[in-house]
Structures are given as structure tokens and as C-alpha cells.
């Protein structure tokens, strides 16, 4: 499990990003098999957008209360 994301959901999200050509998956024949994901040029192009959203959130969204857990909205399928 990574953070609050189950292995199954993480796998689904990574496959979606790969299908959209945002990340590239590379499998290595190590034992156990090792998988690496890297951003493609399309994924790298999202950095400016993500940085802008982060700046906006820092400026406009309230700080979470101490002890509160942050929950994201369920992602929507990209068409």
C-alpha cells in the first residue's frame, strides 16, 4: 500500500496514466520483478499546471485542522 491507496487502486491509476501516455512503464527482469514509471514529455508538460494548482490551493484553501485527514474526490475517467 502506498499512502492511503490500496495496491489495486494504485495499479488501476497507473494503467490509466500509461494509457493516456502520461507515464511510461519499464519492467526489469530482476527477482523479484522491478517496475519503474517515468513521466513522458506529455506528463512533464503537466508540471506547470500542477504547480499552478498547488500555488492556488496554498493561497485560497484553508489549512486542514490538526488531526484531520485529507480525502480526495474520486478521480474521473479521462476520455
N, C-alpha and C. Protein backbone atom coordinates (compact mmCIF):
# COMPACT_ATOMS: atom_id res chain seq x y z
N UNK A 1 0.85 -1.17 0.00
CA UNK A 1 0.00 0.00 0.00
C UNK A 1 0.89 1.24 0.00
N UNK A 2 0.53 2.20 -0.81
CA UNK A 2 1.24 3.47 -0.87
C UNK A 2 0.32 4.53 -0.28
N UNK A 3 0.73 5.15 0.82
CA UNK A 3 -0.13 6.13 1.47
C UNK A 3 -1.45 5.49 1.84
N UNK A 4 -2.55 6.13 1.45
CA UNK A 4 -3.88 5.60 1.72
C UNK A 4 -4.46 4.89 0.51
N UNK A 5 -3.63 4.57 -0.48
CA UNK A 5 -4.10 3.95 -1.71
C UNK A 5 -3.76 2.46 -1.69
N UNK A 6 -4.77 1.63 -1.94
CA UNK A 6 -4.50 0.19 -1.97
C UNK A 6 -3.70 -0.15 -3.23
N UNK A 7 -3.03 -1.29 -3.20
CA UNK A 7 -2.24 -1.73 -4.35
C UNK A 7 -3.11 -1.84 -5.60
N UNK A 8 -4.33 -2.32 -5.44
CA UNK A 8 -5.24 -2.50 -6.58
C UNK A 8 -5.58 -1.15 -7.22
N UNK A 9 -5.95 -0.17 -6.40
CA UNK A 9 -6.32 1.15 -6.93
C UNK A 9 -5.10 1.82 -7.55
N UNK A 10 -3.94 1.70 -6.91
CA UNK A 10 -2.72 2.27 -7.46
C UNK A 10 -2.44 1.68 -8.84
N UNK A 11 -2.58 0.37 -8.97
CA UNK A 11 -2.35 -0.30 -10.25
C UNK A 11 -3.31 0.21 -11.32
N UNK A 12 -4.58 0.38 -10.97
CA UNK A 12 -5.57 0.89 -11.92
C UNK A 12 -5.19 2.30 -12.36
N UNK A 13 -4.84 3.15 -11.42
CA UNK A 13 -4.49 4.55 -11.75
C UNK A 13 -3.24 4.61 -12.63
N UNK A 14 -2.24 3.79 -12.32
CA UNK A 14 -1.02 3.79 -13.13
C UNK A 14 -1.33 3.32 -14.56
N UNK A 15 -2.18 2.32 -14.71
CA UNK A 15 -2.57 1.86 -16.05
C UNK A 15 -3.29 2.95 -16.82
N UNK A 16 -4.16 3.69 -16.13
CA UNK A 16 -4.86 4.80 -16.79
C UNK A 16 -3.88 5.88 -17.27
N UNK A 17 -2.91 6.21 -16.42
CA UNK A 17 -1.91 7.21 -16.80
C UNK A 17 -1.05 6.71 -17.96
N UNK A 18 -0.75 5.42 -17.96
CA UNK A 18 0.03 4.84 -19.05
C UNK A 18 -0.77 4.86 -20.36
N UNK A 19 -2.05 4.53 -20.29
CA UNK A 19 -2.91 4.56 -21.48
C UNK A 19 -3.01 5.97 -22.06
N UNK A 20 -2.97 6.98 -21.20
CA UNK A 20 -3.04 8.36 -21.64
C UNK A 20 -1.67 8.91 -22.07
N UNK A 21 -0.65 8.06 -22.01
CA UNK A 21 0.72 8.44 -22.40
C UNK A 21 1.30 9.53 -21.50
N UNK A 22 0.89 9.53 -20.23
CA UNK A 22 1.41 10.49 -19.26
C UNK A 22 2.62 9.90 -18.55
N UNK A 23 2.62 8.58 -18.37
CA UNK A 23 3.77 7.89 -17.79
C UNK A 23 4.17 6.74 -18.70
N UNK A 24 5.41 6.29 -18.52
CA UNK A 24 5.91 5.13 -19.26
C UNK A 24 6.33 4.08 -18.24
N UNK A 25 5.92 2.85 -18.47
CA UNK A 25 6.22 1.74 -17.58
C UNK A 25 7.38 0.94 -18.15
N UNK A 26 8.37 0.65 -17.30
CA UNK A 26 9.50 -0.18 -17.69
C UNK A 26 9.64 -1.31 -16.68
N UNK A 27 9.63 -2.55 -17.19
CA UNK A 27 9.78 -3.73 -16.33
C UNK A 27 11.20 -4.26 -16.46
N UNK A 28 11.79 -4.63 -15.34
CA UNK A 28 13.14 -5.19 -15.31
C UNK A 28 13.06 -6.64 -14.88
N UNK A 29 13.89 -7.49 -15.45
CA UNK A 29 13.87 -8.92 -15.17
C UNK A 29 14.61 -9.28 -13.89
N UNK A 30 14.51 -8.43 -12.89
CA UNK A 30 15.11 -8.74 -11.60
C UNK A 30 14.22 -9.74 -10.88
N UNK A 31 14.75 -10.29 -9.79
CA UNK A 31 13.93 -11.16 -8.95
C UNK A 31 13.92 -10.54 -7.56
N UNK A 32 12.78 -10.07 -7.08
CA UNK A 32 11.50 -10.03 -7.78
C UNK A 32 11.52 -8.98 -8.90
N UNK A 33 10.56 -9.10 -9.80
CA UNK A 33 10.47 -8.18 -10.94
C UNK A 33 10.37 -6.76 -10.40
N UNK A 34 11.10 -5.87 -11.04
CA UNK A 34 11.10 -4.46 -10.64
C UNK A 34 10.45 -3.65 -11.75
N UNK A 35 9.55 -2.75 -11.37
CA UNK A 35 8.84 -1.90 -12.32
C UNK A 35 9.19 -0.45 -12.00
N UNK A 36 9.51 0.33 -13.03
CA UNK A 36 9.74 1.76 -12.86
C UNK A 36 8.78 2.52 -13.75
N UNK A 37 8.30 3.64 -13.24
CA UNK A 37 7.43 4.52 -14.01
C UNK A 37 8.13 5.87 -14.13
N UNK A 38 8.13 6.41 -15.34
CA UNK A 38 8.70 7.73 -15.57
C UNK A 38 7.69 8.58 -16.33
N UNK A 39 7.80 9.88 -16.14
CA UNK A 39 6.94 10.79 -16.88
C UNK A 39 7.38 10.86 -18.34
N UNK A 40 6.41 10.90 -19.22
CA UNK A 40 6.69 11.13 -20.64
C UNK A 40 6.75 12.65 -20.84
N UNK A 41 7.03 13.08 -22.05
CA UNK A 41 7.01 14.51 -22.35
C UNK A 41 5.63 15.09 -22.05
N UNK A 42 4.59 14.32 -22.37
CA UNK A 42 3.23 14.77 -22.07
C UNK A 42 3.03 14.92 -20.56
N UNK A 43 3.57 13.99 -19.78
CA UNK A 43 3.48 14.08 -18.33
C UNK A 43 4.27 15.25 -17.78
N UNK A 44 5.46 15.45 -18.31
CA UNK A 44 6.30 16.59 -17.88
C UNK A 44 5.60 17.91 -18.15
N UNK A 45 4.84 17.97 -19.25
CA UNK A 45 4.13 19.20 -19.60
C UNK A 45 3.08 19.56 -18.55
N UNK A 46 2.66 18.60 -17.74
CA UNK A 46 1.68 18.86 -16.69
C UNK A 46 2.29 19.55 -15.46
N UNK A 47 3.60 19.57 -15.35
CA UNK A 47 4.24 20.16 -14.18
C UNK A 47 3.80 21.59 -13.93
N UNK A 48 3.74 22.41 -14.95
CA UNK A 48 3.33 23.81 -14.78
C UNK A 48 1.89 23.90 -14.27
N UNK A 49 1.03 23.05 -14.80
CA UNK A 49 -0.37 23.06 -14.39
C UNK A 49 -0.49 22.64 -12.92
N UNK A 50 0.20 21.57 -12.56
CA UNK A 50 0.15 21.08 -11.18
C UNK A 50 0.73 22.11 -10.22
N UNK A 51 1.83 22.75 -10.61
CA UNK A 51 2.42 23.80 -9.77
C UNK A 51 1.45 24.95 -9.58
N UNK A 52 0.73 25.33 -10.65
CA UNK A 52 -0.24 26.43 -10.56
C UNK A 52 -1.38 26.05 -9.62
N UNK A 53 -1.85 24.82 -9.69
CA UNK A 53 -2.92 24.37 -8.80
C UNK A 53 -2.44 24.38 -7.35
N UNK A 54 -1.20 23.95 -7.13
CA UNK A 54 -0.65 23.96 -5.78
C UNK A 54 -0.56 25.39 -5.23
N UNK A 55 -0.08 26.32 -6.06
CA UNK A 55 0.00 27.73 -5.61
C UNK A 55 -1.38 28.28 -5.28
N UNK A 56 -2.36 27.97 -6.13
CA UNK A 56 -3.72 28.42 -5.89
C UNK A 56 -4.25 27.85 -4.57
N UNK A 57 -4.05 26.55 -4.35
CA UNK A 57 -4.52 25.91 -3.13
C UNK A 57 -3.87 26.49 -1.89
N UNK A 58 -2.58 26.75 -1.98
CA UNK A 58 -1.85 27.33 -0.85
C UNK A 58 -2.42 28.70 -0.50
N UNK A 59 -2.77 29.47 -1.51
CA UNK A 59 -3.28 30.82 -1.28
C UNK A 59 -4.74 30.83 -0.84
N UNK A 60 -5.56 29.98 -1.41
CA UNK A 60 -7.00 30.10 -1.24
C UNK A 60 -7.67 29.07 -0.35
N UNK A 61 -7.06 27.93 -0.12
CA UNK A 61 -7.71 26.91 0.69
C UNK A 61 -7.23 27.00 2.13
N UNK A 62 -8.14 26.77 3.07
CA UNK A 62 -7.73 26.83 4.49
C UNK A 62 -6.84 25.65 4.84
N UNK A 63 -6.00 25.87 5.83
CA UNK A 63 -5.16 24.79 6.34
C UNK A 63 -6.07 23.76 7.00
N UNK A 64 -5.78 22.45 6.82
CA UNK A 64 -6.60 21.45 7.50
C UNK A 64 -6.42 21.54 9.01
N UNK A 65 -7.48 21.23 9.73
CA UNK A 65 -7.38 21.23 11.19
C UNK A 65 -6.45 20.12 11.64
N UNK A 66 -5.78 20.34 12.76
CA UNK A 66 -4.84 19.34 13.27
C UNK A 66 -5.58 18.03 13.54
N UNK A 67 -5.02 16.94 13.06
CA UNK A 67 -5.62 15.63 13.24
C UNK A 67 -6.63 15.26 12.17
N UNK A 68 -7.01 16.22 11.32
CA UNK A 68 -7.97 15.93 10.25
C UNK A 68 -7.27 15.17 9.14
N UNK A 69 -7.98 14.27 8.52
CA UNK A 69 -7.43 13.55 7.38
C UNK A 69 -7.93 14.18 6.10
N UNK A 70 -7.07 14.24 5.11
CA UNK A 70 -7.45 14.81 3.82
C UNK A 70 -7.93 13.69 2.92
N UNK A 71 -9.08 13.90 2.30
CA UNK A 71 -9.62 12.92 1.39
C UNK A 71 -9.84 13.58 0.05
N UNK A 72 -9.33 12.95 -0.99
CA UNK A 72 -9.50 13.47 -2.34
C UNK A 72 -10.83 12.99 -2.91
N UNK A 73 -11.35 13.75 -3.84
CA UNK A 73 -12.53 13.30 -4.57
C UNK A 73 -12.13 12.13 -5.45
N UNK A 74 -13.03 11.18 -5.69
CA UNK A 74 -12.67 10.07 -6.56
C UNK A 74 -12.35 10.58 -7.96
N UNK A 75 -11.24 10.12 -8.55
CA UNK A 75 -10.88 10.60 -9.89
C UNK A 75 -11.89 10.15 -10.93
N UNK A 76 -12.04 10.95 -11.96
CA UNK A 76 -12.92 10.65 -13.07
C UNK A 76 -12.11 10.07 -14.20
N UNK A 77 -12.69 9.18 -14.98
CA UNK A 77 -12.02 8.58 -16.14
C UNK A 77 -11.77 9.66 -17.17
N UNK A 78 -10.55 9.74 -17.68
CA UNK A 78 -10.19 10.70 -18.73
C UNK A 78 -10.61 10.12 -20.06
N UNK A 79 -11.35 10.89 -20.82
CA UNK A 79 -11.81 10.40 -22.13
C UNK A 79 -10.93 10.93 -23.24
